[in-house]
Each structure stands twice: as C-alpha cells, then as structure tokens.
Amino acid sequence: MHCVAQVVRAPDCGSGGRGFEPHRGALKKASFKKRGFFICLLTPYFGPLSKSLNMTFPENLKYTSEHEWIRMEGNEAFVGVTDFAQGELGDIVYVDINTSGQAIAKDAVFGSVEAVKTVSDLFLPVAGTILEVNPALADAPELVNSDPYGAGWMVRISLSDPAELEGLMDYNTYKASVGA
C-alpha cells in the first residue's frame, strides 16, 4: 500500500466541489460542500506505483525509497527527485527550498515541490550542509519535469558522513522498487 497526498481547492462553481481529476487517476473523486478552501488528502492507494514505460534510471546515482537521487562529484553531491517522482507529481509549478547554508540530518525535510494539485516534501538522502539551491528552479521549476537528473537538480551539498551512501539503493534495486 502507498499513500498519496494531494492538496485540493474546492471549485468556486456550484458543482459542490466535485469534478477534480487527480494526477494519473490515483485518487478517487471527492466531494466538498464548502467553497474556496484547501484541504490535504492522504489517501491509501493499492495500485501500481507507476504506469510509465519511459522512466530513466541513471546507473551512476544512488536512490532513496522517497524517490530522491544523489550524485557524488568530488567531495560534494547533487540531490534531486527521480524521473519516477516527477512523473507521479505531474507538472511542477513551484520549488520551495529555504535551507541554503543549513546542516540537515539524513532523511530530514530540506524543502518541498508543488505540482498543480500536489505538494510534496523533499528529504535529504544523507546528512549534510546545503551549499547551494539550484537557482534555475526559481524561474523554471518545470526543469524538474523535463530534466530531473540534469538541469532539474535541487541542491548541492557537502556530506557529513560519506559512509551513509552505502545505505542507499543502487540502480537495480531502485528500478525494481518502482516496478520498472
């Protein structure tokens, strides 16, 4: 079982709040009686995680169960979300990362991404200090969708303990975990 979080705004029309279609049909339609409010739904979903046949999985990266990737470059690393994650989120419209210069623990939230109907936290795969937030994402958050392993990277970090990389998934393990 997987949980899917979704932020929904009840429409201002007289439809009683019905009528939204969640990304990839993962959630069922819902009905809200109030108009103009926001709600976060956390809904169990028992289906397959993805139906995408075009996902990419670079072999030189390490992956997390939360669908982040990490790529080492010397003593620093780049972190982003996987192709699988961006596909499940849908069109990314905003990236919110305000942790530049901060030391962040392994698996702690370092920011969030907002898609058309979903907001998702970003988790740091290893403990480290955020050295840089990708400046291109401020004006072009859609880079996360179009190039998740390249121009759509999220943060550059210095690792506190490089040994933590050993606990992450390799290419084959991650690919199997998402059913690809």
N, C-alpha and C. Protein backbone atom coordinates (compact mmCIF):
# COMPACT_ATOMS: atom_id res chain seq x y z
N MET A 1 0.84 -1.17 0.00
CA MET A 1 0.00 0.00 0.00
C MET A 1 0.89 1.24 0.00
N HIS A 2 0.48 2.27 -0.70
CA HIS A 2 1.18 3.54 -0.77
C HIS A 2 0.20 4.63 -0.39
N CYS A 3 0.70 5.73 0.16
CA CYS A 3 -0.16 6.87 0.45
C CYS A 3 0.14 7.97 -0.54
N VAL A 4 -0.89 8.62 -1.00
CA VAL A 4 -0.78 9.71 -1.95
C VAL A 4 -1.34 10.95 -1.28
N ALA A 5 -0.54 12.02 -1.23
CA ALA A 5 -1.02 13.28 -0.65
C ALA A 5 -1.40 14.21 -1.77
N GLN A 6 -2.47 14.93 -1.57
CA GLN A 6 -2.94 15.84 -2.61
C GLN A 6 -3.60 17.04 -1.97
N VAL A 7 -3.23 18.23 -2.44
CA VAL A 7 -3.88 19.47 -1.99
C VAL A 7 -4.95 19.80 -3.00
N VAL A 8 -6.15 20.03 -2.52
CA VAL A 8 -7.29 20.24 -3.40
C VAL A 8 -7.99 21.54 -3.00
N ARG A 9 -8.34 22.35 -3.97
CA ARG A 9 -9.14 23.54 -3.72
C ARG A 9 -10.53 23.28 -4.26
N ALA A 10 -11.51 23.44 -3.40
CA ALA A 10 -12.88 23.25 -3.86
C ALA A 10 -13.20 24.32 -4.88
N PRO A 11 -13.80 23.97 -5.98
CA PRO A 11 -14.10 24.96 -7.02
C PRO A 11 -15.12 25.99 -6.56
N ASP A 12 -15.07 27.14 -7.19
CA ASP A 12 -16.00 28.21 -6.87
C ASP A 12 -17.31 28.09 -7.63
N CYS A 13 -17.49 27.03 -8.35
CA CYS A 13 -18.73 26.85 -9.09
C CYS A 13 -19.73 26.10 -8.24
N GLY A 14 -20.88 25.86 -8.73
CA GLY A 14 -21.93 25.20 -7.97
C GLY A 14 -21.87 23.69 -8.05
N SER A 15 -20.72 23.12 -8.36
CA SER A 15 -20.63 21.67 -8.52
C SER A 15 -20.51 20.94 -7.19
N GLY A 16 -20.54 21.68 -6.08
CA GLY A 16 -20.43 21.03 -4.78
C GLY A 16 -19.03 20.53 -4.50
N GLY A 17 -18.04 20.99 -5.26
CA GLY A 17 -16.67 20.58 -5.03
C GLY A 17 -16.28 19.34 -5.80
N ARG A 18 -17.21 18.73 -6.52
CA ARG A 18 -16.87 17.54 -7.29
C ARG A 18 -16.25 17.96 -8.61
N GLY A 19 -15.55 17.06 -9.22
CA GLY A 19 -15.11 17.32 -10.57
C GLY A 19 -13.62 17.40 -10.77
N PHE A 20 -12.79 17.34 -9.71
CA PHE A 20 -11.36 17.34 -9.98
C PHE A 20 -10.92 15.93 -10.33
N GLU A 21 -9.94 15.84 -11.19
CA GLU A 21 -9.37 14.55 -11.56
C GLU A 21 -7.93 14.52 -11.07
N PRO A 22 -7.60 13.71 -10.09
CA PRO A 22 -6.24 13.63 -9.58
C PRO A 22 -5.27 13.13 -10.65
N HIS A 23 -4.00 13.46 -10.45
CA HIS A 23 -2.95 13.05 -11.38
C HIS A 23 -2.95 11.54 -11.55
N ARG A 24 -2.96 11.07 -12.79
CA ARG A 24 -2.92 9.66 -13.17
C ARG A 24 -4.04 8.84 -12.55
N GLY A 25 -5.08 9.48 -12.05
CA GLY A 25 -6.23 8.74 -11.53
C GLY A 25 -5.93 7.99 -10.24
N ALA A 26 -4.89 8.37 -9.51
CA ALA A 26 -4.51 7.62 -8.32
C ALA A 26 -5.54 7.74 -7.21
N LEU A 27 -6.24 8.86 -7.14
CA LEU A 27 -7.26 9.05 -6.11
C LEU A 27 -8.63 9.08 -6.75
N LYS A 28 -9.63 8.75 -5.97
CA LYS A 28 -10.99 8.81 -6.49
C LYS A 28 -11.52 10.23 -6.35
N LYS A 29 -12.58 10.55 -7.08
CA LYS A 29 -13.20 11.87 -6.96
C LYS A 29 -13.70 12.08 -5.54
N ALA A 30 -13.65 13.32 -5.11
CA ALA A 30 -14.13 13.64 -3.77
C ALA A 30 -15.17 14.75 -3.86
N SER A 31 -15.96 14.90 -2.85
CA SER A 31 -16.98 15.93 -2.83
C SER A 31 -16.79 16.78 -1.58
N PHE A 32 -16.79 18.09 -1.75
CA PHE A 32 -16.66 19.02 -0.65
C PHE A 32 -17.83 19.99 -0.72
N LYS A 33 -18.44 20.29 0.41
CA LYS A 33 -19.60 21.17 0.42
C LYS A 33 -19.20 22.64 0.52
N LYS A 34 -18.08 22.96 1.23
CA LYS A 34 -17.64 24.34 1.33
C LYS A 34 -16.96 24.74 0.04
N ARG A 35 -16.96 26.05 -0.23
CA ARG A 35 -16.31 26.54 -1.43
C ARG A 35 -15.08 27.35 -1.04
N GLY A 36 -14.04 27.27 -1.88
CA GLY A 36 -12.88 28.13 -1.73
C GLY A 36 -11.91 27.74 -0.63
N PHE A 37 -11.94 26.53 -0.09
CA PHE A 37 -10.98 26.16 0.92
C PHE A 37 -10.01 25.13 0.35
N PHE A 38 -8.90 24.95 1.07
CA PHE A 38 -7.91 23.98 0.66
C PHE A 38 -7.88 22.84 1.67
N ILE A 39 -7.61 21.66 1.20
CA ILE A 39 -7.53 20.50 2.08
C ILE A 39 -6.44 19.58 1.55
N CYS A 40 -5.75 18.92 2.44
CA CYS A 40 -4.74 17.95 2.03
C CYS A 40 -5.31 16.57 2.29
N LEU A 41 -5.38 15.77 1.25
CA LEU A 41 -5.88 14.42 1.35
C LEU A 41 -4.70 13.46 1.41
N LEU A 42 -4.70 12.55 2.36
CA LEU A 42 -3.71 11.48 2.40
C LEU A 42 -4.50 10.20 2.23
N THR A 43 -4.42 9.63 1.05
CA THR A 43 -5.30 8.55 0.67
C THR A 43 -4.52 7.28 0.38
N PRO A 44 -4.90 6.15 0.96
CA PRO A 44 -4.22 4.92 0.61
C PRO A 44 -4.52 4.53 -0.83
N TYR A 45 -3.53 4.01 -1.49
CA TYR A 45 -3.66 3.61 -2.88
C TYR A 45 -3.01 2.25 -3.04
N PHE A 46 -3.75 1.25 -3.51
CA PHE A 46 -3.26 -0.10 -3.56
C PHE A 46 -2.81 -0.53 -4.96
N GLY A 47 -2.82 0.39 -5.91
CA GLY A 47 -2.45 0.05 -7.27
C GLY A 47 -0.95 0.13 -7.50
N PRO A 48 -0.51 -0.08 -8.73
CA PRO A 48 0.90 0.02 -9.05
C PRO A 48 1.37 1.46 -8.90
N LEU A 49 2.64 1.64 -8.54
CA LEU A 49 3.15 2.98 -8.32
C LEU A 49 3.23 3.79 -9.61
N SER A 50 3.51 3.17 -10.73
CA SER A 50 3.64 3.95 -11.96
C SER A 50 3.29 3.09 -13.16
N LYS A 51 2.76 3.76 -14.16
CA LYS A 51 2.46 3.07 -15.41
C LYS A 51 3.39 3.54 -16.51
N SER A 52 4.34 4.40 -16.15
CA SER A 52 5.22 4.99 -17.15
C SER A 52 6.22 3.96 -17.67
N LEU A 53 6.35 3.87 -18.98
CA LEU A 53 7.33 2.99 -19.59
C LEU A 53 8.57 3.75 -20.03
N ASN A 54 8.54 5.07 -19.91
CA ASN A 54 9.64 5.89 -20.39
C ASN A 54 10.52 6.44 -19.28
N MET A 55 10.45 5.88 -18.09
CA MET A 55 11.27 6.36 -16.99
C MET A 55 12.73 6.06 -17.24
N THR A 56 13.60 6.95 -16.77
CA THR A 56 15.03 6.71 -16.87
C THR A 56 15.61 6.54 -15.47
N PHE A 57 16.66 5.75 -15.37
CA PHE A 57 17.33 5.45 -14.11
C PHE A 57 18.84 5.44 -14.36
N PRO A 58 19.52 6.58 -14.22
CA PRO A 58 20.97 6.57 -14.42
C PRO A 58 21.66 5.61 -13.46
N GLU A 59 22.59 4.85 -13.98
CA GLU A 59 23.27 3.83 -13.18
C GLU A 59 24.29 4.41 -12.22
N ASN A 60 24.73 5.66 -12.42
CA ASN A 60 25.77 6.24 -11.58
C ASN A 60 25.22 6.95 -10.34
N LEU A 61 23.93 6.84 -10.08
CA LEU A 61 23.31 7.52 -8.95
C LEU A 61 22.96 6.54 -7.85
N LYS A 62 22.73 7.08 -6.65
CA LYS A 62 22.14 6.33 -5.54
C LYS A 62 20.73 6.88 -5.36
N TYR A 63 19.82 6.04 -4.87
CA TYR A 63 18.40 6.40 -4.78
C TYR A 63 17.85 6.13 -3.38
N THR A 64 16.74 6.81 -3.04
CA THR A 64 16.06 6.58 -1.77
C THR A 64 14.66 6.02 -2.02
N SER A 65 14.07 5.49 -0.97
CA SER A 65 12.70 5.00 -1.08
C SER A 65 11.71 6.16 -1.20
N GLU A 66 12.15 7.37 -0.88
CA GLU A 66 11.31 8.57 -1.03
C GLU A 66 11.46 9.19 -2.42
N HIS A 67 12.21 8.53 -3.30
CA HIS A 67 12.37 8.91 -4.71
C HIS A 67 13.24 10.14 -4.93
N GLU A 68 14.24 10.31 -4.06
CA GLU A 68 15.29 11.28 -4.33
C GLU A 68 16.50 10.53 -4.86
N TRP A 69 17.34 11.24 -5.59
CA TRP A 69 18.60 10.68 -6.07
C TRP A 69 19.74 11.55 -5.56
N ILE A 70 20.95 10.95 -5.53
CA ILE A 70 22.15 11.69 -5.14
C ILE A 70 23.28 11.28 -6.06
N ARG A 71 24.04 12.29 -6.52
CA ARG A 71 25.18 12.06 -7.42
C ARG A 71 26.41 12.72 -6.81
N MET A 72 27.43 11.92 -6.54
CA MET A 72 28.68 12.43 -5.97
C MET A 72 29.52 13.08 -7.07
N GLU A 73 30.11 14.22 -6.73
CA GLU A 73 31.08 14.90 -7.59
C GLU A 73 32.17 15.43 -6.69
N GLY A 74 33.25 14.65 -6.57
CA GLY A 74 34.32 15.00 -5.65
C GLY A 74 33.84 14.85 -4.22
N ASN A 75 34.01 15.90 -3.41
CA ASN A 75 33.59 15.87 -2.01
C ASN A 75 32.17 16.41 -1.82
N GLU A 76 31.52 16.75 -2.91
CA GLU A 76 30.17 17.30 -2.85
C GLU A 76 29.21 16.38 -3.60
N ALA A 77 27.93 16.65 -3.42
CA ALA A 77 26.92 15.84 -4.09
C ALA A 77 25.77 16.73 -4.54
N PHE A 78 25.11 16.29 -5.61
CA PHE A 78 23.89 16.94 -6.10
C PHE A 78 22.73 16.02 -5.75
N VAL A 79 21.60 16.63 -5.38
CA VAL A 79 20.40 15.88 -4.98
C VAL A 79 19.22 16.40 -5.79
N GLY A 80 18.35 15.49 -6.18
CA GLY A 80 17.13 15.86 -6.89
C GLY A 80 16.09 14.78 -6.73
N VAL A 81 14.98 14.94 -7.43
CA VAL A 81 13.93 13.91 -7.42
C VAL A 81 14.06 13.07 -8.68
N THR A 82 13.64 11.84 -8.58
CA THR A 82 13.78 10.90 -9.69
C THR A 82 12.75 11.16 -10.79
N ASP A 83 13.02 10.58 -11.93
CA ASP A 83 12.09 10.65 -13.05
C ASP A 83 10.74 10.06 -12.64
N PHE A 84 10.79 8.98 -11.87
CA PHE A 84 9.57 8.38 -11.37
C PHE A 84 8.77 9.39 -10.54
N ALA A 85 9.45 10.08 -9.60
CA ALA A 85 8.78 11.04 -8.72
C ALA A 85 8.16 12.18 -9.50
N GLN A 86 8.91 12.76 -10.43
CA GLN A 86 8.35 13.89 -11.18
C GLN A 86 7.16 13.44 -12.02
N GLY A 87 7.20 12.21 -12.52
CA GLY A 87 6.07 11.69 -13.28
C GLY A 87 4.82 11.51 -12.43
N GLU A 88 5.01 11.07 -11.20
CA GLU A 88 3.89 10.88 -10.29
C GLU A 88 3.33 12.22 -9.81
N LEU A 89 4.21 13.21 -9.62
CA LEU A 89 3.76 14.52 -9.16
C LEU A 89 2.99 15.28 -10.24
N GLY A 90 3.40 15.13 -11.48
CA GLY A 90 2.80 15.90 -12.56
C GLY A 90 3.58 17.18 -12.77
N ASP A 91 2.95 18.16 -13.38
CA ASP A 91 3.63 19.41 -13.72
C ASP A 91 4.04 20.18 -12.47
N ILE A 92 5.35 20.35 -12.29
CA ILE A 92 5.90 21.09 -11.15
C ILE A 92 5.73 22.58 -11.43
N VAL A 93 5.13 23.30 -10.48
CA VAL A 93 4.89 24.73 -10.67
C VAL A 93 5.68 25.60 -9.69
N TYR A 94 6.25 24.98 -8.63
CA TYR A 94 7.00 25.77 -7.65
C TYR A 94 7.90 24.85 -6.86
N VAL A 95 9.13 25.31 -6.62
CA VAL A 95 10.08 24.59 -5.77
C VAL A 95 10.41 25.51 -4.61
N ASP A 96 10.21 25.05 -3.39
CA ASP A 96 10.42 25.85 -2.18
C ASP A 96 11.53 25.22 -1.35
N ILE A 97 12.74 25.78 -1.45
CA ILE A 97 13.88 25.30 -0.66
C ILE A 97 14.52 26.53 -0.02
N ASN A 98 14.40 26.62 1.29
CA ASN A 98 14.95 27.76 2.04
C ASN A 98 15.98 27.30 3.07
N THR A 99 16.75 26.26 2.74
CA THR A 99 17.68 25.68 3.70
C THR A 99 19.14 25.90 3.32
N SER A 100 19.41 26.80 2.40
CA SER A 100 20.79 27.05 1.99
C SER A 100 21.64 27.44 3.19
N GLY A 101 22.81 26.81 3.31
CA GLY A 101 23.72 27.08 4.42
C GLY A 101 23.44 26.29 5.67
N GLN A 102 22.35 25.54 5.69
CA GLN A 102 21.97 24.80 6.90
C GLN A 102 22.47 23.36 6.85
N ALA A 103 22.82 22.85 8.03
CA ALA A 103 23.15 21.43 8.19
C ALA A 103 21.82 20.69 8.38
N ILE A 104 21.60 19.67 7.57
CA ILE A 104 20.34 18.92 7.57
C ILE A 104 20.66 17.46 7.87
N ALA A 105 19.86 16.84 8.73
CA ALA A 105 20.03 15.43 9.08
C ALA A 105 19.57 14.52 7.94
N LYS A 106 20.09 13.31 7.94
CA LYS A 106 19.66 12.30 6.96
C LYS A 106 18.14 12.09 7.09
N ASP A 107 17.46 12.03 5.97
CA ASP A 107 16.01 11.81 5.88
C ASP A 107 15.17 12.97 6.41
N ALA A 108 15.79 14.11 6.70
CA ALA A 108 15.04 15.29 7.15
C ALA A 108 14.57 16.09 5.94
N VAL A 109 13.51 16.84 6.11
CA VAL A 109 12.94 17.66 5.04
C VAL A 109 13.86 18.85 4.79
N PHE A 110 14.21 19.05 3.50
CA PHE A 110 15.02 20.22 3.15
C PHE A 110 14.27 21.20 2.26
N GLY A 111 13.04 20.87 1.89
CA GLY A 111 12.23 21.75 1.05
C GLY A 111 10.99 21.02 0.59
N SER A 112 10.32 21.61 -0.40
CA SER A 112 9.12 20.98 -0.96
C SER A 112 8.97 21.36 -2.43
N VAL A 113 8.21 20.55 -3.14
CA VAL A 113 7.86 20.86 -4.52
C VAL A 113 6.35 20.90 -4.60
N GLU A 114 5.86 21.83 -5.43
CA GLU A 114 4.42 21.97 -5.61
C GLU A 114 4.10 21.69 -7.07
N ALA A 115 3.20 20.74 -7.25
CA ALA A 115 2.68 20.45 -8.58
C ALA A 115 1.29 21.09 -8.67
N VAL A 116 0.62 20.90 -9.78
CA VAL A 116 -0.67 21.54 -9.97
C VAL A 116 -1.65 21.23 -8.83
N LYS A 117 -1.71 19.98 -8.37
CA LYS A 117 -2.65 19.62 -7.32
C LYS A 117 -2.00 18.91 -6.14
N THR A 118 -0.68 18.96 -6.04
CA THR A 118 0.03 18.21 -5.02
C THR A 118 1.20 19.01 -4.47
N VAL A 119 1.45 18.87 -3.18
CA VAL A 119 2.65 19.40 -2.56
C VAL A 119 3.37 18.22 -1.92
N SER A 120 4.67 18.13 -2.16
CA SER A 120 5.44 17.01 -1.63
C SER A 120 6.72 17.50 -0.98
N ASP A 121 7.02 16.97 0.21
CA ASP A 121 8.26 17.30 0.89
C ASP A 121 9.44 16.66 0.19
N LEU A 122 10.61 17.28 0.33
CA LEU A 122 11.87 16.76 -0.20
C LEU A 122 12.71 16.32 0.98
N PHE A 123 13.27 15.11 0.92
CA PHE A 123 14.04 14.55 2.02
C PHE A 123 15.49 14.39 1.60
N LEU A 124 16.42 14.81 2.47
CA LEU A 124 17.84 14.69 2.17
C LEU A 124 18.27 13.24 2.36
N PRO A 125 18.89 12.63 1.33
CA PRO A 125 19.25 11.21 1.41
C PRO A 125 20.34 10.90 2.42
N VAL A 126 21.22 11.86 2.70
CA VAL A 126 22.31 11.70 3.65
C VAL A 126 22.44 13.01 4.43
N ALA A 127 23.05 12.95 5.60
CA ALA A 127 23.27 14.17 6.37
C ALA A 127 24.29 15.05 5.66
N GLY A 128 24.04 16.34 5.67
CA GLY A 128 24.98 17.25 5.04
C GLY A 128 24.56 18.69 5.17
N THR A 129 25.39 19.57 4.63
CA THR A 129 25.11 21.00 4.63
C THR A 129 24.72 21.43 3.22
N ILE A 130 23.63 22.16 3.12
CA ILE A 130 23.17 22.66 1.82
C ILE A 130 24.10 23.79 1.39
N LEU A 131 24.86 23.57 0.33
CA LEU A 131 25.79 24.57 -0.18
C LEU A 131 25.14 25.51 -1.17
N GLU A 132 24.19 24.97 -1.94
CA GLU A 132 23.57 25.76 -2.99
C GLU A 132 22.21 25.17 -3.34
N VAL A 133 21.26 26.05 -3.59
CA VAL A 133 19.97 25.66 -4.14
C VAL A 133 20.03 26.01 -5.62
N ASN A 134 19.55 25.13 -6.47
CA ASN A 134 19.59 25.35 -7.92
C ASN A 134 18.86 26.66 -8.25
N PRO A 135 19.60 27.71 -8.66
CA PRO A 135 18.95 29.00 -8.92
C PRO A 135 18.01 28.97 -10.12
N ALA A 136 18.22 28.06 -11.05
CA ALA A 136 17.37 27.99 -12.24
C ALA A 136 15.93 27.61 -11.90
N LEU A 137 15.73 26.91 -10.79
CA LEU A 137 14.38 26.45 -10.44
C LEU A 137 13.46 27.58 -10.01
N ALA A 138 14.01 28.71 -9.60
CA ALA A 138 13.17 29.85 -9.19
C ALA A 138 12.33 30.35 -10.35
N ASP A 139 12.92 30.41 -11.53
CA ASP A 139 12.20 30.90 -12.72
C ASP A 139 11.68 29.78 -13.61
N ALA A 140 12.22 28.57 -13.45
CA ALA A 140 11.83 27.46 -14.33
C ALA A 140 11.69 26.16 -13.54
N PRO A 141 10.68 26.06 -12.65
CA PRO A 141 10.52 24.82 -11.88
C PRO A 141 10.22 23.61 -12.76
N GLU A 142 9.74 23.85 -13.97
CA GLU A 142 9.44 22.75 -14.88
C GLU A 142 10.68 21.97 -15.30
N LEU A 143 11.87 22.49 -15.00
CA LEU A 143 13.11 21.75 -15.27
C LEU A 143 13.13 20.42 -14.52
N VAL A 144 12.44 20.37 -13.37
CA VAL A 144 12.35 19.13 -12.62
C VAL A 144 11.63 18.07 -13.46
N ASN A 145 10.64 18.48 -14.24
CA ASN A 145 9.93 17.55 -15.12
C ASN A 145 10.73 17.20 -16.36
N SER A 146 11.31 18.19 -16.99
CA SER A 146 11.96 17.96 -18.29
C SER A 146 13.36 17.36 -18.18
N ASP A 147 14.06 17.60 -17.07
CA ASP A 147 15.43 17.10 -16.93
C ASP A 147 15.74 16.84 -15.46
N PRO A 148 15.09 15.84 -14.84
CA PRO A 148 15.23 15.64 -13.40
C PRO A 148 16.64 15.29 -12.95
N TYR A 149 17.45 14.68 -13.81
CA TYR A 149 18.80 14.27 -13.42
C TYR A 149 19.87 15.26 -13.88
N GLY A 150 19.48 16.29 -14.59
CA GLY A 150 20.42 17.27 -15.11
C GLY A 150 20.09 18.64 -14.57
N ALA A 151 19.53 19.50 -15.44
CA ALA A 151 19.24 20.89 -15.08
C ALA A 151 18.20 21.01 -13.96
N GLY A 152 17.46 19.95 -13.67
CA GLY A 152 16.42 19.99 -12.64
C GLY A 152 16.89 19.55 -11.26
N TRP A 153 18.21 19.48 -11.02
CA TRP A 153 18.71 19.13 -9.68
C TRP A 153 18.20 20.16 -8.66
N MET A 154 18.11 19.74 -7.40
CA MET A 154 17.54 20.60 -6.36
C MET A 154 18.60 21.35 -5.56
N VAL A 155 19.53 20.58 -4.93
CA VAL A 155 20.54 21.19 -4.07
C VAL A 155 21.90 20.54 -4.28
N ARG A 156 22.93 21.33 -3.97
CA ARG A 156 24.31 20.84 -3.92
C ARG A 156 24.68 20.82 -2.44
N ILE A 157 25.26 19.70 -1.97
CA ILE A 157 25.54 19.55 -0.54
C ILE A 157 26.97 19.07 -0.31
N SER A 158 27.44 19.31 0.91
CA SER A 158 28.65 18.64 1.39
C SER A 158 28.17 17.59 2.38
N LEU A 159 28.67 16.38 2.25
CA LEU A 159 28.22 15.28 3.09
C LEU A 159 28.88 15.33 4.46
N SER A 160 28.12 15.03 5.50
CA SER A 160 28.66 14.92 6.85
C SER A 160 29.36 13.59 7.03
N ASP A 161 28.79 12.53 6.46
CA ASP A 161 29.33 11.18 6.60
C ASP A 161 29.15 10.42 5.30
N PRO A 162 30.18 10.38 4.45
CA PRO A 162 30.06 9.69 3.16
C PRO A 162 29.68 8.21 3.28
N ALA A 163 29.91 7.60 4.44
CA ALA A 163 29.54 6.19 4.64
C ALA A 163 28.03 5.99 4.55
N GLU A 164 27.23 7.05 4.74
CA GLU A 164 25.77 6.92 4.64
C GLU A 164 25.32 6.56 3.23
N LEU A 165 26.16 6.82 2.24
CA LEU A 165 25.82 6.46 0.86
C LEU A 165 25.62 4.96 0.70
N GLU A 166 26.31 4.17 1.52
CA GLU A 166 26.21 2.72 1.44
C GLU A 166 24.80 2.21 1.73
N GLY A 167 24.02 2.96 2.51
CA GLY A 167 22.67 2.54 2.86
C GLY A 167 21.62 2.89 1.82
N LEU A 168 22.01 3.54 0.73
CA LEU A 168 21.06 3.93 -0.32
C LEU A 168 20.96 2.84 -1.38
N MET A 169 19.91 2.92 -2.17
CA MET A 169 19.69 1.92 -3.22
C MET A 169 20.54 2.22 -4.45
N ASP A 170 20.99 1.14 -5.09
CA ASP A 170 21.67 1.30 -6.37
C ASP A 170 20.63 1.27 -7.48
N TYR A 171 21.10 1.40 -8.70
CA TYR A 171 20.25 1.44 -9.89
C TYR A 171 19.27 0.26 -9.94
N ASN A 172 19.77 -0.97 -9.83
CA ASN A 172 18.92 -2.15 -9.98
C ASN A 172 17.87 -2.25 -8.86
N THR A 173 18.28 -1.96 -7.64
CA THR A 173 17.35 -2.04 -6.50
C THR A 173 16.24 -1.01 -6.63
N TYR A 174 16.62 0.23 -6.99
CA TYR A 174 15.60 1.28 -7.13
C TYR A 174 14.64 0.95 -8.27
N LYS A 175 15.19 0.53 -9.39
CA LYS A 175 14.36 0.21 -10.55
C LYS A 175 13.34 -0.87 -10.18
N ALA A 176 13.78 -1.88 -9.47
CA ALA A 176 12.87 -2.95 -9.03
C ALA A 176 11.83 -2.43 -8.04
N SER A 177 12.22 -1.47 -7.19
CA SER A 177 11.29 -0.97 -6.17
C SER A 177 10.12 -0.20 -6.77
N VAL A 178 10.30 0.38 -7.96
CA VAL A 178 9.21 1.11 -8.60
C VAL A 178 8.53 0.28 -9.69
N GLY A 179 8.91 -0.97 -9.77
CA GLY A 179 8.24 -1.87 -10.70
C GLY A 179 8.58 -1.66 -12.16
N ALA A 180 9.76 -1.12 -12.42
CA ALA A 180 10.16 -0.89 -13.82
C ALA A 180 11.00 -2.04 -14.35
